[in-house]
Amino acid sequence: MSVSVWKLAESIMAPAPGVALDLEERKRERAILDRCAAGDEKAIRWVLDKYRDRVVRLSSHVLHNPREAEDVAQEAFVKAFRQIGQFRGESGFYAWLYRIVINLCLDRMRRKSSTSEMPLEESIGSFVAVNPDVEKRLSVEQVLNSLTPPMRAALVLREVEGLEYAEIADVLSIPLGTVRSRLNTAREQFRKRWLALQEEANHV
């Protein structure tokens, strides 16, 4: 991953910066998206280059499975480009795209709910193989894994992706007040479990 995931533990203590686009950049992106709707390959490549890593990262955080994250990312972009004519620009394009990603992740998790998940050893093995700072990263992943998917999704969108509260409400299709309460609960749960994990590690 391009982001040092373990730093999420530190970012929980302070709000992440926003990801707002200025007016000129928003207009430029709108023009590129219009070209995507017309099938312009160069414009499509621009969108893929700009958002692919973020989509894969988000999918990986929600699903905790790098291989499935790649599949979801591909599926999300296919769906986004097919439906791009429906994008009205009221929320940022990334918020619209993230909503697609989150819905695909949740659909995949629902389909898997009645089947056994990947063995923990295999999941950890694949994670260790591609990431430095393994112990710290695994600690954060362990705490994130302990949160419910709605809590985890909200926390990642805010603390890792840096979305504003209103944007998270748009992505997750929930009221702004629910975003605030969900994030407060998620932060508190994360903080308590993170500190407990560190305390336990200090006594090993």
C-alpha atoms as a PDB file:
ATOM      1  CA  MET A   1       0.000   0.000   0.000  1.00  0.00           C
ATOM      2  CA  SER A   2       1.170   3.551  -0.669  1.00  0.00           C
ATOM      3  CA  VAL A   3      -0.002   4.729   2.773  1.00  0.00           C
ATOM      4  CA  SER A   4       1.762   3.718   5.992  1.00  0.00           C
ATOM      5  CA  VAL A   5      -1.309   2.034   7.411  1.00  0.00           C
ATOM      6  CA  TRP A   6       0.018   1.752  10.936  1.00  0.00           C
ATOM      7  CA  LYS A   7      -0.002   5.564  11.223  1.00  0.00           C
ATOM      8  CA  LEU A   8      -3.780   5.295  11.385  1.00  0.00           C
ATOM      9  CA  ALA A   9      -3.347   4.765  15.138  1.00  0.00           C
ATOM     10  CA  GLU A  10      -1.761   8.201  15.435  1.00  0.00           C
ATOM     11  CA  SER A  11      -4.239   9.912  13.127  1.00  0.00           C
ATOM     12  CA  ILE A  12      -7.146   8.766  15.309  1.00  0.00           C
ATOM     13  CA  MET A  13      -6.035  11.376  17.840  1.00  0.00           C
ATOM     14  CA  ALA A  14      -6.462  14.278  15.419  1.00  0.00           C
ATOM     15  CA  PRO A  15      -8.798  15.039  12.491  1.00  0.00           C
ATOM     16  CA  ALA A  16      -7.445  14.232   9.060  1.00  0.00           C
ATOM     17  CA  PRO A  17      -7.211  17.062   6.499  1.00  0.00           C
ATOM     18  CA  GLY A  18     -10.010  17.384   4.003  1.00  0.00           C
ATOM     19  CA  VAL A  19      -9.790  16.382   0.354  1.00  0.00           C
ATOM     20  CA  ALA A  20     -11.805  19.224  -1.111  1.00  0.00           C
ATOM     21  CA  LEU A  21     -11.135  20.222  -4.691  1.00  0.00           C
ATOM     22  CA  ASP A  22     -10.912  23.884  -5.605  1.00  0.00           C
ATOM     23  CA  LEU A  23     -13.371  25.214  -8.162  1.00  0.00           C
ATOM     24  CA  GLU A  24     -10.985  25.173 -11.125  1.00  0.00           C
ATOM     25  CA  GLU A  25      -9.876  21.608 -10.450  1.00  0.00           C
ATOM     26  CA  ARG A  26     -13.498  20.519 -10.069  1.00  0.00           C
ATOM     27  CA  LYS A  27     -14.350  22.078 -13.457  1.00  0.00           C
ATOM     28  CA  ARG A  28     -11.363  20.393 -15.069  1.00  0.00           C
ATOM     29  CA  GLU A  29     -12.347  17.040 -13.637  1.00  0.00           C
ATOM     30  CA  ARG A  30     -15.954  17.541 -14.757  1.00  0.00           C
ATOM     31  CA  ALA A  31     -14.727  18.093 -18.326  1.00  0.00           C
ATOM     32  CA  ILE A  32     -12.612  14.930 -18.152  1.00  0.00           C
ATOM     33  CA  LEU A  33     -15.573  12.930 -16.814  1.00  0.00           C
ATOM     34  CA  ASP A  34     -17.725  14.183 -19.686  1.00  0.00           C
ATOM     35  CA  ARG A  35     -15.066  12.879 -22.063  1.00  0.00           C
ATOM     36  CA  CYS A  36     -15.133   9.541 -20.204  1.00  0.00           C
ATOM     37  CA  ALA A  37     -18.875   9.341 -20.814  1.00  0.00           C
ATOM     38  CA  ALA A  38     -18.128   9.814 -24.521  1.00  0.00           C
ATOM     39  CA  GLY A  39     -15.634   6.925 -24.441  1.00  0.00           C
ATOM     40  CA  ASP A  40     -12.431   8.984 -24.569  1.00  0.00           C
ATOM     41  CA  GLU A  41      -9.677   6.475 -23.705  1.00  0.00           C
ATOM     42  CA  LYS A  42      -7.219   9.155 -22.603  1.00  0.00           C
ATOM     43  CA  ALA A  43      -9.752  10.571 -20.144  1.00  0.00           C
ATOM     44  CA  ILE A  44     -10.563   7.099 -18.830  1.00  0.00           C
ATOM     45  CA  ARG A  45      -6.859   6.455 -18.278  1.00  0.00           C
ATOM     46  CA  TRP A  46      -6.581   9.762 -16.384  1.00  0.00           C
ATOM     47  CA  VAL A  47      -9.349   8.691 -13.986  1.00  0.00           C
ATOM     48  CA  LEU A  48      -7.794   5.255 -13.492  1.00  0.00           C
ATOM     49  CA  ASP A  49      -4.358   6.728 -12.805  1.00  0.00           C
ATOM     50  CA  LYS A  50      -5.758   9.235 -10.319  1.00  0.00           C
ATOM     51  CA  TYR A  51      -8.105   7.006  -8.344  1.00  0.00           C
ATOM     52  CA  ARG A  52      -7.032   3.384  -8.735  1.00  0.00           C
ATOM     53  CA  ASP A  53      -4.642   3.249  -5.755  1.00  0.00           C
ATOM     54  CA  ARG A  54      -7.197   4.922  -3.488  1.00  0.00           C
ATOM     55  CA  VAL A  55      -9.947   2.539  -4.566  1.00  0.00           C
ATOM     56  CA  VAL A  56      -7.758  -0.519  -4.003  1.00  0.00           C
ATOM     57  CA  ARG A  57      -6.677   0.838  -0.621  1.00  0.00           C
ATOM     58  CA  LEU A  58     -10.248   1.480   0.473  1.00  0.00           C
ATOM     59  CA  SER A  59     -11.391  -1.967  -0.701  1.00  0.00           C
ATOM     60  CA  SER A  60      -8.486  -3.614   1.086  1.00  0.00           C
ATOM     61  CA  HIS A  61      -9.289  -1.849   4.350  1.00  0.00           C
ATOM     62  CA  VAL A  62     -12.930  -2.884   4.214  1.00  0.00           C
ATOM     63  CA  LEU A  63     -12.438  -6.456   2.978  1.00  0.00           C
ATOM     64  CA  HIS A  64      -9.059  -7.198   4.621  1.00  0.00           C
ATOM     65  CA  ASN A  65      -8.108  -9.205   1.554  1.00  0.00           C
ATOM     66  CA  PRO A  66      -5.680  -7.648  -0.994  1.00  0.00           C
ATOM     67  CA  ARG A  67      -6.654 -10.096  -3.753  1.00  0.00           C
ATOM     68  CA  GLU A  68     -10.356  -9.387  -3.391  1.00  0.00           C
ATOM     69  CA  ALA A  69      -9.601  -5.663  -3.183  1.00  0.00           C
ATOM     70  CA  GLU A  70      -8.095  -5.782  -6.675  1.00  0.00           C
ATOM     71  CA  ASP A  71     -11.199  -7.556  -7.982  1.00  0.00           C
ATOM     72  CA  VAL A  72     -13.518  -5.026  -6.362  1.00  0.00           C
ATOM     73  CA  ALA A  73     -11.481  -2.124  -7.734  1.00  0.00           C
ATOM     74  CA  GLN A  74     -11.768  -3.477 -11.264  1.00  0.00           C
ATOM     75  CA  GLU A  75     -15.485  -4.119 -10.824  1.00  0.00           C
ATOM     76  CA  ALA A  76     -15.998  -0.633  -9.377  1.00  0.00           C
ATOM     77  CA  PHE A  77     -14.351   1.129 -12.301  1.00  0.00           C
ATOM     78  CA  VAL A  78     -16.284  -0.946 -14.843  1.00  0.00           C
ATOM     79  CA  LYS A  79     -19.521  -0.015 -13.091  1.00  0.00           C
ATOM     80  CA  ALA A  80     -18.488   3.627 -12.706  1.00  0.00           C
ATOM     81  CA  PHE A  81     -17.622   4.076 -16.371  1.00  0.00           C
ATOM     82  CA  ARG A  82     -20.886   2.413 -17.419  1.00  0.00           C
ATOM     83  CA  GLN A  83     -22.883   4.745 -15.165  1.00  0.00           C
ATOM     84  CA  ILE A  84     -20.747   7.861 -15.445  1.00  0.00           C
ATOM     85  CA  GLY A  85     -23.461   9.633 -17.400  1.00  0.00           C
ATOM     86  CA  GLN A  86     -25.574   9.497 -14.225  1.00  0.00           C
ATOM     87  CA  PHE A  87     -22.979  11.426 -12.205  1.00  0.00           C
ATOM     88  CA  ARG A  88     -24.443  14.891 -11.606  1.00  0.00           C
ATOM     89  CA  GLY A  89     -21.486  16.429  -9.822  1.00  0.00           C
ATOM     90  CA  GLU A  90     -23.386  17.409  -6.676  1.00  0.00           C
ATOM     91  CA  SER A  91     -20.836  15.594  -4.494  1.00  0.00           C
ATOM     92  CA  GLY A  92     -17.242  15.096  -5.604  1.00  0.00           C
ATOM     93  CA  PHE A  93     -16.578  12.342  -8.126  1.00  0.00           C
ATOM     94  CA  TYR A  94     -14.450  10.490  -5.545  1.00  0.00           C
ATOM     95  CA  ALA A  95     -17.428  10.417  -3.160  1.00  0.00           C
ATOM     96  CA  TRP A  96     -19.637   9.010  -5.917  1.00  0.00           C
ATOM     97  CA  LEU A  97     -16.975   6.440  -6.813  1.00  0.00           C
ATOM     98  CA  TYR A  98     -16.371   5.491  -3.186  1.00  0.00           C
ATOM     99  CA  ARG A  99     -20.082   4.836  -2.728  1.00  0.00           C
ATOM    100  CA  ILE A 100     -19.859   2.311  -5.563  1.00  0.00           C
ATOM    101  CA  VAL A 101     -16.801   0.719  -3.937  1.00  0.00           C
ATOM    102  CA  ILE A 102     -18.401   0.495  -0.495  1.00  0.00           C
ATOM    103  CA  ASN A 103     -21.584  -1.045  -1.913  1.00  0.00           C
ATOM    104  CA  LEU A 104     -19.591  -3.636  -3.854  1.00  0.00           C
ATOM    105  CA  CYS A 105     -17.564  -4.481  -0.746  1.00  0.00           C
ATOM    106  CA  LEU A 106     -20.686  -4.873   1.381  1.00  0.00           C
ATOM    107  CA  ASP A 107     -22.359  -7.003  -1.307  1.00  0.00           C
ATOM    108  CA  ARG A 108     -19.303  -9.247  -1.414  1.00  0.00           C
ATOM    109  CA  MET A 109     -19.238  -9.544   2.374  1.00  0.00           C
ATOM    110  CA  ARG A 110     -22.935 -10.453   2.442  1.00  0.00           C
ATOM    111  CA  ARG A 111     -22.379 -13.164  -0.167  1.00  0.00           C
ATOM    112  CA  LYS A 112     -19.539 -14.601   1.911  1.00  0.00           C
ATOM    113  CA  SER A 113     -21.379 -14.396   5.230  1.00  0.00           C
ATOM    114  CA  SER A 114     -22.582 -18.000   5.019  1.00  0.00           C
ATOM    115  CA  THR A 115     -19.214 -19.409   3.933  1.00  0.00           C
ATOM    116  CA  SER A 116     -15.933 -19.792   5.770  1.00  0.00           C
ATOM    117  CA  GLU A 117     -13.440 -16.974   5.373  1.00  0.00           C
ATOM    118  CA  MET A 118      -9.798 -17.246   4.402  1.00  0.00           C
ATOM    119  CA  PRO A 119      -7.766 -18.883   7.187  1.00  0.00           C
ATOM    120  CA  LEU A 120      -6.091 -16.304   9.409  1.00  0.00           C
ATOM    121  CA  GLU A 121      -2.636 -17.727   8.704  1.00  0.00           C
ATOM    122  CA  GLU A 122      -3.075 -17.309   4.957  1.00  0.00           C
ATOM    123  CA  SER A 123      -4.387 -13.761   5.313  1.00  0.00           C
ATOM    124  CA  ILE A 124      -1.517 -12.732   7.562  1.00  0.00           C
ATOM    125  CA  GLY A 125       0.990 -14.469   5.312  1.00  0.00           C
ATOM    126  CA  SER A 126      -0.099 -12.541   2.233  1.00  0.00           C
ATOM    127  CA  PHE A 127      -0.155  -9.295   4.210  1.00  0.00           C
ATOM    128  CA  VAL A 128       3.342  -9.779   5.636  1.00  0.00           C
ATOM    129  CA  ALA A 129       4.737 -10.677   2.230  1.00  0.00           C
ATOM    130  CA  VAL A 130       3.978  -7.289   0.687  1.00  0.00           C
ATOM    131  CA  ASN A 131       4.335  -4.855   3.598  1.00  0.00           C
ATOM    132  CA  PRO A 132       7.214  -3.506   5.668  1.00  0.00           C
ATOM    133  CA  ASP A 133       6.744  -2.496   9.313  1.00  0.00           C
ATOM    134  CA  VAL A 134       4.819  -5.738   9.623  1.00  0.00           C
ATOM    135  CA  GLU A 135       4.279  -5.805  13.363  1.00  0.00           C
ATOM    136  CA  LYS A 136       2.864  -2.287  13.538  1.00  0.00           C
ATOM    137  CA  ARG A 137       0.700  -2.781  10.484  1.00  0.00           C
ATOM    138  CA  LEU A 138      -0.663  -6.073  11.759  1.00  0.00           C
ATOM    139  CA  SER A 139      -1.507  -4.435  15.068  1.00  0.00           C
ATOM    140  CA  VAL A 140      -3.610  -1.805  13.310  1.00  0.00           C
ATOM    141  CA  GLU A 141      -5.221  -4.430  11.106  1.00  0.00           C
ATOM    142  CA  GLN A 142      -6.036  -6.488  14.192  1.00  0.00           C
ATOM    143  CA  VAL A 143      -7.811  -3.531  15.810  1.00  0.00           C
ATOM    144  CA  LEU A 144      -9.623  -2.605  12.587  1.00  0.00           C
ATOM    145  CA  ASN A 145     -10.737  -6.214  12.215  1.00  0.00           C
ATOM    146  CA  SER A 146     -12.382  -6.018  15.623  1.00  0.00           C
ATOM    147  CA  LEU A 147     -14.669  -3.175  14.496  1.00  0.00           C
ATOM    148  CA  THR A 148     -17.946  -3.807  12.690  1.00  0.00           C
ATOM    149  CA  PRO A 149     -17.872  -3.181   8.898  1.00  0.00           C
ATOM    150  CA  PRO A 150     -19.934   0.063   9.182  1.00  0.00           C
ATOM    151  CA  MET A 151     -17.589   1.418  11.878  1.00  0.00           C
ATOM    152  CA  ARG A 152     -14.519   0.321   9.918  1.00  0.00           C
ATOM    153  CA  ALA A 153     -15.741   1.879   6.668  1.00  0.00           C
ATOM    154  CA  ALA A 154     -16.512   5.230   8.307  1.00  0.00           C
ATOM    155  CA  LEU A 155     -13.165   5.304  10.116  1.00  0.00           C
ATOM    156  CA  VAL A 156     -11.156   4.495   7.002  1.00  0.00           C
ATOM    157  CA  LEU A 157     -13.009   7.060   4.891  1.00  0.00           C
ATOM    158  CA  ARG A 158     -12.290   9.764   7.464  1.00  0.00           C
ATOM    159  CA  GLU A 159      -8.866   8.937   8.863  1.00  0.00           C
ATOM    160  CA  VAL A 160      -7.182   7.304   5.874  1.00  0.00           C
ATOM    161  CA  GLU A 161      -8.962   8.861   2.896  1.00  0.00           C
ATOM    162  CA  GLY A 162      -9.556  12.230   4.586  1.00  0.00           C
ATOM    163  CA  LEU A 163     -13.145  12.709   3.454  1.00  0.00           C
ATOM    164  CA  GLU A 164     -15.276  15.385   5.120  1.00  0.00           C
ATOM    165  CA  TYR A 165     -18.235  14.305   7.241  1.00  0.00           C
ATOM    166  CA  ALA A 166     -20.759  15.354   4.588  1.00  0.00           C
ATOM    167  CA  GLU A 167     -18.852  13.367   1.967  1.00  0.00           C
ATOM    168  CA  ILE A 168     -18.849  10.275   4.175  1.00  0.00           C
ATOM    169  CA  ALA A 169     -22.601  10.657   4.666  1.00  0.00           C
ATOM    170  CA  ASP A 170     -22.948  10.758   0.886  1.00  0.00           C
ATOM    171  CA  VAL A 171     -20.700   7.732   0.337  1.00  0.00           C
ATOM    172  CA  LEU A 172     -22.385   5.586   2.972  1.00  0.00           C
ATOM    173  CA  SER A 173     -25.895   6.946   2.318  1.00  0.00           C
ATOM    174  CA  ILE A 174     -26.483   7.780   5.975  1.00  0.00           C
ATOM    175  CA  PRO A 175     -27.458  11.016   7.771  1.00  0.00           C
ATOM    176  CA  LEU A 176     -24.720  13.437   8.798  1.00  0.00           C
ATOM    177  CA  GLY A 177     -25.604  12.929  12.455  1.00  0.00           C
ATOM    178  CA  THR A 178     -25.117   9.188  12.059  1.00  0.00           C
ATOM    179  CA  VAL A 179     -21.674   9.799  10.578  1.00  0.00           C
ATOM    180  CA  ARG A 180     -20.697  11.878  13.601  1.00  0.00           C
ATOM    181  CA  SER A 181     -21.945   9.354  16.148  1.00  0.00           C
ATOM    182  CA  ARG A 182     -20.499   6.413  14.215  1.00  0.00           C
ATOM    183  CA  LEU A 183     -17.089   8.044  13.969  1.00  0.00           C
ATOM    184  CA  ASN A 184     -17.100   9.012  17.642  1.00  0.00           C
ATOM    185  CA  THR A 185     -17.905   5.423  18.588  1.00  0.00           C
ATOM    186  CA  ALA A 186     -15.391   3.970  16.119  1.00  0.00           C
ATOM    187  CA  ARG A 187     -12.604   6.264  17.361  1.00  0.00           C
ATOM    188  CA  GLU A 188     -13.327   5.438  20.984  1.00  0.00           C
ATOM    189  CA  GLN A 189     -13.431   1.693  20.299  1.00  0.00           C
ATOM    190  CA  PHE A 190     -10.254   1.889  18.230  1.00  0.00           C
ATOM    191  CA  ARG A 191      -8.454   3.953  20.899  1.00  0.00           C
ATOM    192  CA  LYS A 192      -9.386   1.595  23.734  1.00  0.00           C
ATOM    193  CA  ARG A 193      -8.512  -1.552  21.804  1.00  0.00           C
ATOM    194  CA  TRP A 194      -5.278  -0.063  20.467  1.00  0.00           C
ATOM    195  CA  LEU A 195      -4.124   0.943  23.941  1.00  0.00           C
ATOM    196  CA  ALA A 196      -5.112  -2.475  25.313  1.00  0.00           C
ATOM    197  CA  LEU A 197      -3.125  -4.162  22.541  1.00  0.00           C
ATOM    198  CA  GLN A 198      -0.054  -2.012  23.250  1.00  0.00           C
ATOM    199  CA  GLU A 199      -0.363  -2.686  26.976  1.00  0.00           C
ATOM    200  CA  GLU A 200      -0.541  -6.401  26.309  1.00  0.00           C
ATOM    201  CA  ALA A 201       2.515  -6.225  24.028  1.00  0.00           C
ATOM    202  CA  ASN A 202       4.506  -4.407  26.718  1.00  0.00           C
ATOM    203  CA  HIS A 203       3.948  -7.294  29.112  1.00  0.00           C
ATOM    204  CA  VAL A 204       5.008 -10.042  26.726  1.00  0.00           C
END
